[in-house]
């Protein structure tokens, strides 16, 4: 254990995969991270403005969990994993896009296969 950082254990379904091995997600049990990467790629095909996730993306480690008053005033801590920053950017855009589908039947048809 590290006195500076205590991390929760991540389930295998969120972990990164090997982008050179198409069945890596099955061997590692990383179904959720792999599925999200594939869904975002599919949405990107008909909506090129949407950012994508890199092949093999997954969360390698969780952010540190500490109880400290100083943390309340710190922005962008050094212990925040890069994969989480990528997810925030992509997830925010995918969320906005999915909300826009509610009122647009033509767009719904474009992405119905995803």
C-alpha atoms as a PDB file:
ATOM      1  CA  UNK A   1       0.000   0.000   0.000  1.00  0.00           C
ATOM      2  CA  UNK A   2       1.062   3.528  -0.764  1.00  0.00           C
ATOM      3  CA  UNK A   3       0.548   6.211   1.898  1.00  0.00           C
ATOM      4  CA  UNK A   4       0.021   8.793  -0.834  1.00  0.00           C
ATOM      5  CA  UNK A   5      -2.545   6.900  -2.866  1.00  0.00           C
ATOM      6  CA  UNK A   6      -5.166   4.279  -2.137  1.00  0.00           C
ATOM      7  CA  UNK A   7      -6.819   2.902  -5.268  1.00  0.00           C
ATOM      8  CA  UNK A   8      -9.991   0.822  -5.469  1.00  0.00           C
ATOM      9  CA  UNK A   9      -9.692  -2.484  -7.301  1.00  0.00           C
ATOM     10  CA  UNK A  10     -11.054  -2.291 -10.850  1.00  0.00           C
ATOM     11  CA  UNK A  11     -13.152  -5.103 -12.272  1.00  0.00           C
ATOM     12  CA  UNK A  12     -11.694  -6.873 -15.311  1.00  0.00           C
ATOM     13  CA  UNK A  13     -14.563  -5.679 -17.533  1.00  0.00           C
ATOM     14  CA  UNK A  14     -13.083  -2.146 -17.532  1.00  0.00           C
ATOM     15  CA  UNK A  15      -9.443  -2.994 -18.183  1.00  0.00           C
ATOM     16  CA  UNK A  16      -7.492  -2.252 -21.388  1.00  0.00           C
ATOM     17  CA  UNK A  17      -7.026  -4.874 -24.082  1.00  0.00           C
ATOM     18  CA  UNK A  18      -4.249  -5.725 -26.528  1.00  0.00           C
ATOM     19  CA  UNK A  19      -5.101  -3.922 -29.797  1.00  0.00           C
ATOM     20  CA  UNK A  20      -3.061  -6.460 -31.807  1.00  0.00           C
ATOM     21  CA  UNK A  21      -5.103  -9.411 -30.514  1.00  0.00           C
ATOM     22  CA  UNK A  22      -8.780  -9.331 -31.612  1.00  0.00           C
ATOM     23  CA  UNK A  23      -9.796 -11.743 -28.821  1.00  0.00           C
ATOM     24  CA  UNK A  24      -7.799 -10.077 -26.065  1.00  0.00           C
ATOM     25  CA  UNK A  25     -10.976  -8.694 -24.486  1.00  0.00           C
ATOM     26  CA  UNK A  26     -12.354 -12.253 -24.133  1.00  0.00           C
ATOM     27  CA  UNK A  27      -9.159 -13.564 -22.532  1.00  0.00           C
ATOM     28  CA  UNK A  28      -8.970 -10.599 -20.156  1.00  0.00           C
ATOM     29  CA  UNK A  29     -12.724 -10.354 -19.523  1.00  0.00           C
ATOM     30  CA  UNK A  30     -12.686  -6.699 -20.621  1.00  0.00           C
ATOM     31  CA  UNK A  31     -16.108  -6.816 -22.255  1.00  0.00           C
ATOM     32  CA  UNK A  32     -17.339  -3.379 -21.207  1.00  0.00           C
ATOM     33  CA  UNK A  33     -14.256  -1.404 -22.272  1.00  0.00           C
ATOM     34  CA  UNK A  34     -14.085  -3.269 -25.595  1.00  0.00           C
ATOM     35  CA  UNK A  35     -17.810  -2.806 -26.227  1.00  0.00           C
ATOM     36  CA  UNK A  36     -17.653   0.918 -25.549  1.00  0.00           C
ATOM     37  CA  UNK A  37     -14.692   1.332 -27.948  1.00  0.00           C
ATOM     38  CA  UNK A  38     -16.594  -0.521 -30.683  1.00  0.00           C
ATOM     39  CA  UNK A  39     -19.807   1.445 -30.123  1.00  0.00           C
ATOM     40  CA  UNK A  40     -17.968   4.776 -30.309  1.00  0.00           C
ATOM     41  CA  UNK A  41     -16.207   3.679 -33.531  1.00  0.00           C
ATOM     42  CA  UNK A  42     -19.557   2.740 -35.053  1.00  0.00           C
ATOM     43  CA  UNK A  43     -21.103   6.088 -34.110  1.00  0.00           C
ATOM     44  CA  UNK A  44     -18.044   7.885 -35.514  1.00  0.00           C
ATOM     45  CA  UNK A  45     -18.507   6.242 -38.947  1.00  0.00           C
ATOM     46  CA  UNK A  46     -21.676   8.238 -39.632  1.00  0.00           C
ATOM     47  CA  UNK A  47     -20.810  11.217 -37.421  1.00  0.00           C
ATOM     48  CA  UNK A  48     -17.176  12.101 -38.035  1.00  0.00           C
ATOM     49  CA  UNK A  49     -17.197  14.960 -35.526  1.00  0.00           C
ATOM     50  CA  UNK A  50     -17.458  12.478 -32.655  1.00  0.00           C
ATOM     51  CA  UNK A  51     -14.064  11.648 -31.121  1.00  0.00           C
ATOM     52  CA  UNK A  52     -13.089   7.992 -30.838  1.00  0.00           C
ATOM     53  CA  UNK A  53     -11.247   5.965 -28.262  1.00  0.00           C
ATOM     54  CA  UNK A  54      -7.907   4.390 -29.131  1.00  0.00           C
ATOM     55  CA  UNK A  55      -7.869   0.655 -29.912  1.00  0.00           C
ATOM     56  CA  UNK A  56      -7.302  -1.306 -26.741  1.00  0.00           C
ATOM     57  CA  UNK A  57      -8.587   1.535 -24.541  1.00  0.00           C
ATOM     58  CA  UNK A  58      -9.528   0.623 -21.026  1.00  0.00           C
ATOM     59  CA  UNK A  59      -9.030   1.898 -17.526  1.00  0.00           C
ATOM     60  CA  UNK A  60      -5.702   0.611 -16.280  1.00  0.00           C
ATOM     61  CA  UNK A  61      -6.089   1.991 -12.769  1.00  0.00           C
ATOM     62  CA  UNK A  62      -8.689   3.858 -10.785  1.00  0.00           C
ATOM     63  CA  UNK A  63      -8.089   7.370  -9.490  1.00  0.00           C
ATOM     64  CA  UNK A  64      -6.648   7.585  -6.009  1.00  0.00           C
ATOM     65  CA  UNK A  65      -9.065   7.762  -3.146  1.00  0.00           C
ATOM     66  CA  UNK A  66      -7.786   9.787  -0.212  1.00  0.00           C
ATOM     67  CA  UNK A  67      -9.436  11.760   2.496  1.00  0.00           C
ATOM     68  CA  UNK A  68      -7.685  15.086   2.657  1.00  0.00           C
ATOM     69  CA  UNK A  69      -8.965  18.648   2.855  1.00  0.00           C
ATOM     70  CA  UNK A  70      -6.151  19.741   0.503  1.00  0.00           C
ATOM     71  CA  UNK A  71      -7.583  17.539  -2.276  1.00  0.00           C
ATOM     72  CA  UNK A  72     -10.731  19.660  -2.310  1.00  0.00           C
ATOM     73  CA  UNK A  73      -8.731  22.569  -3.711  1.00  0.00           C
ATOM     74  CA  UNK A  74      -6.579  20.656  -6.192  1.00  0.00           C
ATOM     75  CA  UNK A  75      -7.495  20.545  -9.900  1.00  0.00           C
ATOM     76  CA  UNK A  76      -6.303  17.818 -12.271  1.00  0.00           C
ATOM     77  CA  UNK A  77      -4.286  15.881  -9.751  1.00  0.00           C
ATOM     78  CA  UNK A  78      -1.241  13.913 -10.858  1.00  0.00           C
ATOM     79  CA  UNK A  79      -2.876  10.702  -9.714  1.00  0.00           C
ATOM     80  CA  UNK A  80      -5.725  10.911 -12.244  1.00  0.00           C
ATOM     81  CA  UNK A  81      -5.262   8.201 -14.936  1.00  0.00           C
ATOM     82  CA  UNK A  82      -4.940   9.337 -18.562  1.00  0.00           C
ATOM     83  CA  UNK A  83      -7.538   6.772 -19.671  1.00  0.00           C
ATOM     84  CA  UNK A  84     -10.117   8.478 -17.434  1.00  0.00           C
ATOM     85  CA  UNK A  85      -9.351  11.879 -19.007  1.00  0.00           C
ATOM     86  CA  UNK A  86      -9.864  10.364 -22.478  1.00  0.00           C
ATOM     87  CA  UNK A  87     -13.143   8.806 -21.356  1.00  0.00           C
ATOM     88  CA  UNK A  88     -14.419  12.133 -20.011  1.00  0.00           C
ATOM     89  CA  UNK A  89     -13.857  13.837 -23.372  1.00  0.00           C
ATOM     90  CA  UNK A  90     -15.308  11.068 -25.519  1.00  0.00           C
ATOM     91  CA  UNK A  91     -18.128  10.198 -23.132  1.00  0.00           C
ATOM     92  CA  UNK A  92     -19.300  13.789 -22.878  1.00  0.00           C
ATOM     93  CA  UNK A  93     -19.542  14.077 -26.686  1.00  0.00           C
ATOM     94  CA  UNK A  94     -21.239  10.702 -27.078  1.00  0.00           C
ATOM     95  CA  UNK A  95     -23.731  11.691 -24.375  1.00  0.00           C
ATOM     96  CA  UNK A  96     -24.569  14.946 -26.147  1.00  0.00           C
ATOM     97  CA  UNK A  97     -24.970  13.076 -29.428  1.00  0.00           C
ATOM     98  CA  UNK A  98     -27.249  10.438 -27.907  1.00  0.00           C
ATOM     99  CA  UNK A  99     -29.454  13.143 -26.376  1.00  0.00           C
ATOM    100  CA  UNK A 100     -29.758  14.802 -29.782  1.00  0.00           C
ATOM    101  CA  UNK A 101     -31.134  11.542 -31.218  1.00  0.00           C
ATOM    102  CA  UNK A 102     -34.312  11.906 -29.188  1.00  0.00           C
ATOM    103  CA  UNK A 103     -35.722  14.454 -31.625  1.00  0.00           C
ATOM    104  CA  UNK A 104     -34.122  13.322 -34.886  1.00  0.00           C
ATOM    105  CA  UNK A 105     -35.561  10.194 -36.545  1.00  0.00           C
ATOM    106  CA  UNK A 106     -33.144  10.307 -39.494  1.00  0.00           C
ATOM    107  CA  UNK A 107     -30.129  10.238 -37.192  1.00  0.00           C
ATOM    108  CA  UNK A 108     -31.653   7.368 -35.205  1.00  0.00           C
ATOM    109  CA  UNK A 109     -31.776   5.297 -38.390  1.00  0.00           C
ATOM    110  CA  UNK A 110     -28.119   6.110 -39.179  1.00  0.00           C
ATOM    111  CA  UNK A 111     -26.901   4.745 -35.866  1.00  0.00           C
ATOM    112  CA  UNK A 112     -29.448   1.974 -35.281  1.00  0.00           C
ATOM    113  CA  UNK A 113     -26.866  -0.698 -36.160  1.00  0.00           C
ATOM    114  CA  UNK A 114     -24.513   0.463 -33.410  1.00  0.00           C
END
